C-alpha atoms as a PDB file:
ATOM      1  CA  MET A   1      13.600  72.503-131.707  1.00  0.00           C
ATOM      2  CA  THR A   2      11.877  75.673-132.846  1.00  0.00           C
ATOM      3  CA  ARG A   3      14.952  77.545-134.108  1.00  0.00           C
ATOM      4  CA  SER A   4      17.727  75.489-135.638  1.00  0.00           C
ATOM      5  CA  LEU A   5      21.023  76.872-136.881  1.00  0.00           C
ATOM      6  CA  LYS A   6      19.933  76.605-140.497  1.00  0.00           C
ATOM      7  CA  LYS A   7      16.914  78.829-139.811  1.00  0.00           C
ATOM      8  CA  GLY A   8      18.964  81.527-138.115  1.00  0.00           C
ATOM      9  CA  PRO A   9      17.906  83.865-135.305  1.00  0.00           C
ATOM     10  CA  TYR A  10      14.353  85.183-135.075  1.00  0.00           C
ATOM     11  CA  VAL A  11      14.382  88.971-135.114  1.00  0.00           C
ATOM     12  CA  TYR A  12      11.079  90.762-135.520  1.00  0.00           C
ATOM     13  CA  GLU A  13      11.449  92.812-138.719  1.00  0.00           C
ATOM     14  CA  LYS A  14       9.249  95.706-137.558  1.00  0.00           C
ATOM     15  CA  LEU A  15      11.622  96.383-134.661  1.00  0.00           C
ATOM     16  CA  LEU A  16      14.505  96.836-137.056  1.00  0.00           C
ATOM     17  CA  LYS A  17      12.379  99.111-139.267  1.00  0.00           C
ATOM     18  CA  LYS A  18      11.440 101.286-136.271  1.00  0.00           C
ATOM     19  CA  ILE A  19      15.092 101.996-135.457  1.00  0.00           C
ATOM     20  CA  GLU A  20      16.322 102.187-139.028  1.00  0.00           C
ATOM     21  CA  GLY A  21      18.061 105.490-139.729  1.00  0.00           C
ATOM     22  CA  LYS A  22      17.702 106.762-136.140  1.00  0.00           C
ATOM     23  CA  LYS A  23      20.342 107.322-133.510  1.00  0.00           C
ATOM     24  CA  PRO A  24      19.924 105.608-130.113  1.00  0.00           C
ATOM     25  CA  ASP A  25      19.629 108.918-128.258  1.00  0.00           C
ATOM     26  CA  ALA A  26      17.021 110.407-130.608  1.00  0.00           C
ATOM     27  CA  ALA A  27      14.870 107.285-130.974  1.00  0.00           C
ATOM     28  CA  GLY A  28      13.356 107.437-127.486  1.00  0.00           C
ATOM     29  CA  VAL A  29      11.527 104.372-126.175  1.00  0.00           C
ATOM     30  CA  VAL A  30      10.476 101.909-128.880  1.00  0.00           C
ATOM     31  CA  LYS A  31       7.343 100.088-127.692  1.00  0.00           C
ATOM     32  CA  THR A  32       6.939  96.443-128.643  1.00  0.00           C
ATOM     33  CA  TRP A  33       4.932  93.342-127.856  1.00  0.00           C
ATOM     34  CA  ALA A  34       7.495  91.090-129.586  1.00  0.00           C
ATOM     35  CA  ARG A  35       8.909  89.362-126.500  1.00  0.00           C
ATOM     36  CA  ALA A  36      10.095  86.371-128.574  1.00  0.00           C
ATOM     37  CA  SER A  37      12.361  88.487-130.766  1.00  0.00           C
ATOM     38  CA  GLN A  38      16.083  87.966-130.305  1.00  0.00           C
ATOM     39  CA  ILE A  39      18.321  90.952-129.728  1.00  0.00           C
ATOM     40  CA  ALA A  40      20.450  91.696-132.794  1.00  0.00           C
ATOM     41  CA  PRO A  41      23.718  93.673-132.771  1.00  0.00           C
ATOM     42  CA  GLU A  42      21.935  96.549-134.575  1.00  0.00           C
ATOM     43  CA  MET A  43      19.674  97.002-131.521  1.00  0.00           C
ATOM     44  CA  VAL A  44      22.507  97.840-129.093  1.00  0.00           C
ATOM     45  CA  GLY A  45      22.112 101.250-127.436  1.00  0.00           C
ATOM     46  CA  TYR A  46      18.374 101.613-128.011  1.00  0.00           C
ATOM     47  CA  THR A  47      15.729 101.557-125.286  1.00  0.00           C
ATOM     48  CA  TYR A  48      12.756  99.269-125.818  1.00  0.00           C
ATOM     49  CA  GLY A  49       9.457  99.260-123.970  1.00  0.00           C
ATOM     50  CA  VAL A  50       8.755  95.528-123.729  1.00  0.00           C
ATOM     51  CA  HIS A  51       5.177  94.615-122.808  1.00  0.00           C
ATOM     52  CA  ASN A  52       4.854  92.214-119.882  1.00  0.00           C
ATOM     53  CA  GLY A  53       1.101  91.683-120.093  1.00  0.00           C
ATOM     54  CA  LYS A  54       0.197  94.712-117.997  1.00  0.00           C
ATOM     55  CA  ASP A  55       2.522  97.579-118.886  1.00  0.00           C
ATOM     56  CA  PHE A  56       5.734  98.345-120.759  1.00  0.00           C
ATOM     57  CA  ILE A  57       9.044  97.731-118.996  1.00  0.00           C
ATOM     58  CA  GLU A  58      11.922  99.848-120.319  1.00  0.00           C
ATOM     59  CA  VAL A  59      14.902  97.749-121.388  1.00  0.00           C
ATOM     60  CA  LYS A  60      18.154  99.447-122.432  1.00  0.00           C
ATOM     61  CA  VAL A  61      19.956  97.021-124.734  1.00  0.00           C
ATOM     62  CA  THR A  62      23.683  96.490-124.137  1.00  0.00           C
ATOM     63  CA  GLU A  63      26.271  94.327-125.898  1.00  0.00           C
ATOM     64  CA  ASP A  64      25.907  91.561-123.305  1.00  0.00           C
ATOM     65  CA  MET A  65      22.249  91.075-124.271  1.00  0.00           C
ATOM     66  CA  VAL A  66      22.894  90.169-127.924  1.00  0.00           C
ATOM     67  CA  GLY A  67      21.455  86.727-128.658  1.00  0.00           C
ATOM     68  CA  HIS A  68      18.972  86.800-125.784  1.00  0.00           C
ATOM     69  CA  ARG A  69      15.229  87.377-126.137  1.00  0.00           C
ATOM     70  CA  LEU A  70      13.549  90.691-125.277  1.00  0.00           C
ATOM     71  CA  GLY A  71      11.092  88.919-122.992  1.00  0.00           C
ATOM     72  CA  GLU A  72      13.895  87.742-120.701  1.00  0.00           C
ATOM     73  CA  PHE A  73      14.367  91.292-119.445  1.00  0.00           C
ATOM     74  CA  SER A  74      10.675  92.103-118.888  1.00  0.00           C
ATOM     75  CA  LEU A  75       9.373  89.788-116.180  1.00  0.00           C
ATOM     76  CA  THR A  76       5.705  88.820-116.285  1.00  0.00           C
ATOM     77  CA  ARG A  77       5.337  87.615-112.703  1.00  0.00           C
ATOM     78  CA  LYS A  78       5.825  89.653-109.575  1.00  0.00           C
ATOM     79  CA  PHE A  79       7.144  87.878-106.477  1.00  0.00           C
ATOM     80  CA  VAL A  80       5.427  89.226-103.381  1.00  0.00           C
ATOM     81  CA  LYS A  81       7.001  87.106-100.614  1.00  0.00           C
ATOM     82  CA  HIS A  82       6.413  84.027 -98.556  1.00  0.00           C
ATOM     83  CA  GLY A  83       5.473  84.080 -94.943  1.00  0.00           C
ATOM     84  CA  GLY A  84       2.332  85.307 -93.326  1.00  0.00           C
ATOM     85  CA  LYS A  85       1.704  86.548 -89.810  1.00  0.00           C
ATOM     86  CA  MET A  86       4.716  84.809 -88.269  1.00  0.00           C
ATOM     87  CA  GLN A  87       7.076  86.201 -90.943  1.00  0.00           C
ATOM     88  CA  LYS A  88       5.624  89.678 -90.453  1.00  0.00           C
ATOM     89  CA  ASP A  89       6.242  89.491 -86.695  1.00  0.00           C
ATOM     90  CA  LEU A  90       9.862  88.445 -87.266  1.00  0.00           C
ATOM     91  CA  GLU A  91      10.413  91.354 -89.668  1.00  0.00           C
ATOM     92  CA  MET A  92       8.891  93.836 -87.201  1.00  0.00           C
ATOM     93  CA  LYS A  93      11.214  92.624 -84.409  1.00  0.00           C
ATOM     94  CA  LYS A  94      14.211  92.898 -86.719  1.00  0.00           C
ATOM     95  CA  LYS A  95      13.216  96.429 -87.738  1.00  0.00           C
ATOM     96  CA  GLU A  96      12.754  97.503 -84.105  1.00  0.00           C
ATOM     97  CA  ALA A  97      16.194  96.101 -83.237  1.00  0.00           C
ATOM     98  CA  GLU A  98      17.771  98.077 -86.086  1.00  0.00           C
ATOM     99  CA  LEU A  99      16.038 101.286 -84.945  1.00  0.00           C
ATOM    100  CA  SER A 100      17.172 100.855 -81.347  1.00  0.00           C
ATOM    101  CA  ALA A 101      20.740 100.157 -82.505  1.00  0.00           C
ATOM    102  CA  ALA A 102      20.676 103.290 -84.658  1.00  0.00           C
ATOM    103  CA  LYS A 103      19.404 105.400 -81.744  1.00  0.00           C
ATOM    104  CA  ALA A 104      22.113 104.002 -79.468  1.00  0.00           C
ATOM    105  CA  ALA A 105      24.804 104.785 -82.031  1.00  0.00           C
ATOM    106  CA  LYS A 106      23.460 108.301 -82.483  1.00  0.00           C
ATOM    107  CA  GLY A 107      23.389 108.842 -78.722  1.00  0.00           C
ATOM    108  CA  SER A 108      26.988 107.722 -78.338  1.00  0.00           C
ATOM    109  CA  GLU A 109      28.093 110.141 -81.099  1.00  0.00           C
ATOM    110  CA  THR A 110      26.478 113.123 -79.380  1.00  0.00           C
ATOM    111  CA  SER A 111      28.004 112.208 -76.014  1.00  0.00           C
ATOM    112  CA  ARG A 112      31.407 111.800 -77.684  1.00  0.00           C
ATOM    113  CA  LYS A 113      31.107 115.257 -79.276  1.00  0.00           C
ATOM    114  CA  SER A 114      30.158 116.882 -75.971  1.00  0.00           C
ATOM    115  CA  ASN A 115      33.150 115.228 -74.242  1.00  0.00           C
ATOM    116  CA  GLN A 116      35.489 116.567 -76.955  1.00  0.00           C
ATOM    117  CA  GLU A 117      34.178 120.111 -76.507  1.00  0.00           C
ATOM    118  CA  LEU A 118      35.065 120.050 -72.811  1.00  0.00           C
END
């Protein structure tokens, strides 16, 4: 148990110093590498640039986020997708079906408009 109740929440002190005396609108993006820092009520309204190992992900802190860690909102892994050639073929067929359905719907609208004009 790394953080017990007697220890209290871990909030990185430099983050609080960076926003001290500033308004949320005027502060801009506050860059940080402190992913383990918990979100305190004083941080609500500010936008943080949380480092994910490659670049900074902008996180706008809301009231619902209080008590969570900053790193929870800046994902470090990017899901590409499962599949392969067979999955790609299935997606292409699905896309072609959607395009043909859209063309058919568009064609029926134009024929309906021409019938109304007569």
